[in-house]
Amino acid sequence: MTALEKQGECDVQSVSVHELHIQAPQVVLSANDQDPHEVQSEEDGNESAEGHVPLELFAEFLQAIMTKNYQLAKKLCQMILIYEPQNSEAKSFLPLIEEKLLIV
């Protein structure tokens, strides 16, 4: 293959690559277009900020009740009520825990 043929082949390849680059669709994301995973993680982050009790807090609260650690259970119950003031379980458990603390 001569140098001229090689140059012509290179020109064809560069033109093809250039044409492909021009023909490639350009994706522009607006402020409303986000990765679904990012949106989901933001929603998860907002849930705890908007008053949903973290699952770990519930689990620790139940563990304290089951092990009869009423002092810790009372504190955790109060924390649950800070996250969700209308949480029916915490509202019903708090007076019972306080009664147990008076007995013990």
N, C-alpha and C. Protein backbone atom coordinates (compact mmCIF):
# COMPACT_ATOMS: atom_id res chain seq x y z
N MET A 1 0.86 -1.16 0.00
CA MET A 1 0.00 0.00 0.00
C MET A 1 0.91 1.23 0.00
N THR A 2 0.61 2.16 -0.84
CA THR A 2 1.44 3.36 -0.95
C THR A 2 1.06 4.37 0.12
N ALA A 3 1.90 5.36 0.27
CA ALA A 3 1.64 6.40 1.27
C ALA A 3 0.37 7.16 0.94
N LEU A 4 0.12 7.37 -0.38
CA LEU A 4 -1.08 8.08 -0.80
C LEU A 4 -2.33 7.28 -0.46
N GLU A 5 -2.29 5.96 -0.67
CA GLU A 5 -3.43 5.11 -0.33
C GLU A 5 -3.68 5.11 1.17
N LYS A 6 -2.59 5.07 1.96
CA LYS A 6 -2.74 5.11 3.42
C LYS A 6 -3.37 6.43 3.87
N GLN A 7 -2.93 7.54 3.24
CA GLN A 7 -3.47 8.84 3.61
C GLN A 7 -4.95 8.90 3.26
N GLY A 8 -5.30 8.37 2.09
CA GLY A 8 -6.71 8.36 1.68
C GLY A 8 -7.55 7.52 2.62
N GLU A 9 -7.00 6.38 3.07
CA GLU A 9 -7.71 5.52 4.02
C GLU A 9 -7.90 6.23 5.35
N CYS A 10 -6.87 6.94 5.80
CA CYS A 10 -6.97 7.69 7.06
C CYS A 10 -8.01 8.79 6.94
N ASP A 11 -8.05 9.46 5.78
CA ASP A 11 -9.04 10.52 5.58
C ASP A 11 -10.45 9.95 5.66
N VAL A 12 -10.66 8.78 5.07
CA VAL A 12 -11.98 8.14 5.10
C VAL A 12 -12.35 7.79 6.54
N GLN A 13 -11.38 7.25 7.28
CA GLN A 13 -11.66 6.89 8.66
C GLN A 13 -11.96 8.12 9.50
N SER A 14 -11.20 9.20 9.31
CA SER A 14 -11.44 10.39 10.11
C SER A 14 -12.77 11.03 9.74
N VAL A 15 -13.13 10.98 8.46
CA VAL A 15 -14.42 11.51 8.05
C VAL A 15 -15.53 10.67 8.67
N SER A 16 -15.37 9.37 8.65
CA SER A 16 -16.40 8.49 9.22
C SER A 16 -16.57 8.75 10.71
N VAL A 17 -15.45 8.89 11.41
CA VAL A 17 -15.53 9.16 12.84
C VAL A 17 -16.17 10.51 13.08
N HIS A 18 -15.80 11.50 12.25
CA HIS A 18 -16.37 12.84 12.38
C HIS A 18 -17.87 12.79 12.12
N GLU A 19 -18.28 12.08 11.07
CA GLU A 19 -19.70 11.96 10.76
C GLU A 19 -20.46 11.27 11.90
N LEU A 20 -19.86 10.23 12.47
CA LEU A 20 -20.50 9.54 13.58
C LEU A 20 -20.67 10.47 14.77
N HIS A 21 -19.66 11.28 15.00
CA HIS A 21 -19.72 12.21 16.13
C HIS A 21 -20.85 13.22 15.92
N ILE A 22 -20.98 13.70 14.70
CA ILE A 22 -22.04 14.67 14.41
C ILE A 22 -23.40 14.02 14.52
N GLN A 23 -23.53 12.77 14.07
CA GLN A 23 -24.81 12.10 14.06
C GLN A 23 -25.23 11.58 15.43
N ALA A 24 -24.30 11.51 16.36
CA ALA A 24 -24.64 11.00 17.69
C ALA A 24 -25.62 11.95 18.36
N PRO A 25 -26.67 11.41 18.95
CA PRO A 25 -27.66 12.29 19.59
C PRO A 25 -27.05 13.00 20.80
N GLN A 26 -27.38 14.23 20.92
CA GLN A 26 -26.91 15.01 22.06
C GLN A 26 -27.99 14.98 23.13
N VAL A 27 -27.63 14.53 24.30
CA VAL A 27 -28.58 14.43 25.41
C VAL A 27 -28.32 15.58 26.36
N VAL A 28 -29.34 16.38 26.55
CA VAL A 28 -29.23 17.50 27.49
C VAL A 28 -30.29 17.29 28.55
N LEU A 29 -29.86 17.20 29.80
CA LEU A 29 -30.80 17.00 30.89
C LEU A 29 -31.22 18.35 31.44
N SER A 30 -32.50 18.53 31.54
CA SER A 30 -32.99 19.75 32.18
C SER A 30 -32.94 19.55 33.68
N ALA A 31 -33.33 20.56 34.42
CA ALA A 31 -33.32 20.46 35.89
C ALA A 31 -34.30 19.41 36.37
N ASN A 32 -35.36 19.16 35.59
CA ASN A 32 -36.37 18.17 36.00
C ASN A 32 -35.98 16.75 35.64
N ASP A 33 -35.06 16.59 34.68
CA ASP A 33 -34.63 15.25 34.26
C ASP A 33 -33.46 14.83 35.13
N GLN A 34 -33.69 13.81 35.97
CA GLN A 34 -32.64 13.32 36.84
C GLN A 34 -32.58 11.82 36.74
N ASP A 35 -31.47 11.29 37.16
CA ASP A 35 -31.30 9.85 37.23
C ASP A 35 -32.31 9.31 38.23
N PRO A 36 -33.10 8.29 37.88
CA PRO A 36 -34.11 7.76 38.81
C PRO A 36 -33.53 7.31 40.14
N HIS A 37 -32.29 6.81 40.13
CA HIS A 37 -31.66 6.38 41.38
C HIS A 37 -31.36 7.57 42.28
N GLU A 38 -30.96 8.70 41.66
CA GLU A 38 -30.70 9.89 42.45
C GLU A 38 -31.98 10.42 43.05
N VAL A 39 -33.06 10.41 42.27
CA VAL A 39 -34.34 10.89 42.77
C VAL A 39 -34.79 10.01 43.93
N GLN A 40 -34.65 8.69 43.80
CA GLN A 40 -35.06 7.77 44.86
C GLN A 40 -34.27 8.02 46.13
N SER A 41 -32.94 8.20 45.99
CA SER A 41 -32.13 8.40 47.19
C SER A 41 -32.45 9.74 47.83
N GLU A 42 -32.78 10.76 47.04
CA GLU A 42 -33.18 12.04 47.61
C GLU A 42 -34.49 11.89 48.36
N GLU A 43 -35.43 11.12 47.79
CA GLU A 43 -36.70 10.90 48.47
C GLU A 43 -36.49 10.16 49.77
N ASP A 44 -35.60 9.16 49.77
CA ASP A 44 -35.30 8.43 50.99
C ASP A 44 -34.72 9.36 52.05
N GLY A 45 -33.84 10.23 51.63
CA GLY A 45 -33.24 11.18 52.56
C GLY A 45 -34.26 12.15 53.11
N ASN A 46 -35.23 12.54 52.28
CA ASN A 46 -36.25 13.48 52.73
C ASN A 46 -37.25 12.83 53.67
N GLU A 47 -37.45 11.52 53.53
CA GLU A 47 -38.42 10.86 54.39
C GLU A 47 -38.06 11.00 55.86
N SER A 48 -36.81 10.75 56.21
CA SER A 48 -36.43 10.84 57.61
C SER A 48 -36.48 12.29 58.07
N ALA A 49 -36.24 13.23 57.18
CA ALA A 49 -36.28 14.63 57.56
C ALA A 49 -37.71 15.12 57.73
N GLU A 50 -38.68 14.47 57.08
CA GLU A 50 -40.06 14.91 57.12
C GLU A 50 -40.88 14.19 58.18
N GLY A 51 -40.26 13.42 59.07
CA GLY A 51 -41.01 12.85 60.17
C GLY A 51 -41.18 11.36 60.17
N HIS A 52 -40.49 10.62 59.37
CA HIS A 52 -40.57 9.17 59.42
C HIS A 52 -39.46 8.64 60.30
N VAL A 53 -39.83 7.79 61.24
CA VAL A 53 -38.87 7.26 62.21
C VAL A 53 -37.93 6.28 61.52
N PRO A 54 -36.63 6.41 61.74
CA PRO A 54 -35.69 5.43 61.19
C PRO A 54 -35.97 4.03 61.73
N LEU A 55 -35.84 3.05 60.88
CA LEU A 55 -36.11 1.66 61.25
C LEU A 55 -35.21 1.21 62.40
N GLU A 56 -33.97 1.67 62.41
CA GLU A 56 -33.04 1.28 63.48
C GLU A 56 -33.53 1.74 64.85
N LEU A 57 -34.16 2.91 64.87
CA LEU A 57 -34.68 3.44 66.13
C LEU A 57 -35.81 2.55 66.65
N PHE A 58 -36.71 2.14 65.75
CA PHE A 58 -37.78 1.22 66.15
C PHE A 58 -37.21 -0.10 66.66
N ALA A 59 -36.22 -0.61 65.95
CA ALA A 59 -35.63 -1.90 66.33
C ALA A 59 -34.97 -1.80 67.71
N GLU A 60 -34.26 -0.72 67.95
CA GLU A 60 -33.60 -0.54 69.24
C GLU A 60 -34.64 -0.37 70.36
N PHE A 61 -35.72 0.33 70.04
CA PHE A 61 -36.81 0.50 71.01
C PHE A 61 -37.43 -0.85 71.39
N LEU A 62 -37.73 -1.66 70.39
CA LEU A 62 -38.32 -2.97 70.66
C LEU A 62 -37.36 -3.87 71.44
N GLN A 63 -36.08 -3.78 71.12
CA GLN A 63 -35.08 -4.57 71.85
C GLN A 63 -35.05 -4.15 73.32
N ALA A 64 -35.13 -2.85 73.58
CA ALA A 64 -35.12 -2.36 74.96
C ALA A 64 -36.36 -2.85 75.72
N ILE A 65 -37.50 -2.88 75.05
CA ILE A 65 -38.73 -3.38 75.68
C ILE A 65 -38.58 -4.87 76.00
N MET A 66 -38.09 -5.65 75.04
CA MET A 66 -37.98 -7.10 75.22
C MET A 66 -36.98 -7.47 76.31
N THR A 67 -35.94 -6.67 76.46
CA THR A 67 -34.94 -6.96 77.50
C THR A 67 -35.27 -6.26 78.82
N LYS A 68 -36.44 -5.62 78.86
CA LYS A 68 -36.94 -4.93 80.05
C LYS A 68 -36.01 -3.80 80.52
N ASN A 69 -35.34 -3.18 79.56
CA ASN A 69 -34.53 -2.00 79.85
C ASN A 69 -35.44 -0.78 79.67
N TYR A 70 -36.26 -0.52 80.68
CA TYR A 70 -37.31 0.48 80.56
C TYR A 70 -36.77 1.91 80.52
N GLN A 71 -35.64 2.15 81.15
CA GLN A 71 -35.04 3.48 81.11
C GLN A 71 -34.66 3.84 79.67
N LEU A 72 -33.98 2.92 79.00
CA LEU A 72 -33.61 3.13 77.60
C LEU A 72 -34.85 3.16 76.71
N ALA A 73 -35.80 2.29 76.99
CA ALA A 73 -37.03 2.25 76.19
C ALA A 73 -37.78 3.57 76.26
N LYS A 74 -37.79 4.19 77.43
CA LYS A 74 -38.47 5.48 77.58
C LYS A 74 -37.77 6.54 76.72
N LYS A 75 -36.45 6.59 76.76
CA LYS A 75 -35.71 7.57 75.97
C LYS A 75 -35.94 7.36 74.47
N LEU A 76 -35.91 6.10 74.05
CA LEU A 76 -36.12 5.80 72.63
C LEU A 76 -37.55 6.12 72.21
N CYS A 77 -38.49 5.85 73.09
CA CYS A 77 -39.89 6.16 72.81
C CYS A 77 -40.07 7.67 72.64
N GLN A 78 -39.42 8.44 73.48
CA GLN A 78 -39.48 9.90 73.36
C GLN A 78 -38.84 10.37 72.06
N MET A 79 -37.77 9.71 71.64
CA MET A 79 -37.14 10.05 70.37
C MET A 79 -38.07 9.75 69.19
N ILE A 80 -38.78 8.64 69.28
CA ILE A 80 -39.75 8.29 68.23
C ILE A 80 -40.82 9.37 68.14
N LEU A 81 -41.27 9.85 69.30
CA LEU A 81 -42.30 10.89 69.31
C LEU A 81 -41.77 12.23 68.80
N ILE A 82 -40.47 12.44 68.86
CA ILE A 82 -39.90 13.65 68.26
C ILE A 82 -40.01 13.56 66.74
N TYR A 83 -39.70 12.38 66.19
CA TYR A 83 -39.82 12.18 64.74
C TYR A 83 -41.27 12.21 64.30
N GLU A 84 -42.13 11.51 65.02
CA GLU A 84 -43.55 11.39 64.68
C GLU A 84 -44.39 11.63 65.92
N PRO A 85 -44.79 12.86 66.17
CA PRO A 85 -45.58 13.15 67.37
C PRO A 85 -46.91 12.38 67.44
N GLN A 86 -47.42 11.94 66.31
CA GLN A 86 -48.70 11.23 66.29
C GLN A 86 -48.54 9.71 66.18
N ASN A 87 -47.36 9.19 66.43
CA ASN A 87 -47.12 7.75 66.33
C ASN A 87 -47.91 7.04 67.42
N SER A 88 -48.88 6.23 67.01
CA SER A 88 -49.81 5.60 67.96
C SER A 88 -49.11 4.59 68.87
N GLU A 89 -48.15 3.84 68.33
CA GLU A 89 -47.45 2.85 69.16
C GLU A 89 -46.66 3.53 70.27
N ALA A 90 -45.91 4.55 69.91
CA ALA A 90 -45.10 5.25 70.91
C ALA A 90 -46.00 5.95 71.93
N LYS A 91 -47.09 6.53 71.46
CA LYS A 91 -48.01 7.21 72.38
C LYS A 91 -48.64 6.24 73.37
N SER A 92 -48.92 5.02 72.92
CA SER A 92 -49.53 4.05 73.83
C SER A 92 -48.50 3.39 74.74
N PHE A 93 -47.27 3.24 74.27
CA PHE A 93 -46.23 2.60 75.08
C PHE A 93 -45.68 3.51 76.17
N LEU A 94 -45.59 4.81 75.91
CA LEU A 94 -44.93 5.72 76.85
C LEU A 94 -45.54 5.68 78.25
N PRO A 95 -46.86 5.77 78.42
CA PRO A 95 -47.39 5.69 79.79
C PRO A 95 -47.15 4.32 80.44
N LEU A 96 -47.17 3.27 79.65
CA LEU A 96 -46.91 1.93 80.20
C LEU A 96 -45.47 1.81 80.68
N ILE A 97 -44.55 2.36 79.90
CA ILE A 97 -43.13 2.33 80.30
C ILE A 97 -42.93 3.14 81.57
N GLU A 98 -43.56 4.31 81.62
CA GLU A 98 -43.42 5.16 82.82
C GLU A 98 -44.00 4.45 84.05
N GLU A 99 -45.09 3.73 83.86
CA GLU A 99 -45.67 2.97 84.97
C GLU A 99 -44.71 1.87 85.43
N LYS A 100 -44.09 1.18 84.48
CA LYS A 100 -43.12 0.13 84.83
C LYS A 100 -41.94 0.72 85.60
N LEU A 101 -41.50 1.91 85.22
CA LEU A 101 -40.38 2.55 85.91
C LEU A 101 -40.75 2.91 87.35
N LEU A 102 -42.00 3.24 87.59
CA LEU A 102 -42.45 3.55 88.95
C LEU A 102 -42.50 2.29 89.81
N ILE A 103 -42.87 1.17 89.19
CA ILE A 103 -42.99 -0.10 89.91
C ILE A 103 -41.61 -0.65 90.25
N VAL A 104 -40.70 -0.56 89.31
CA VAL A 104 -39.36 -1.15 89.49
C VAL A 104 -38.53 -0.31 90.35
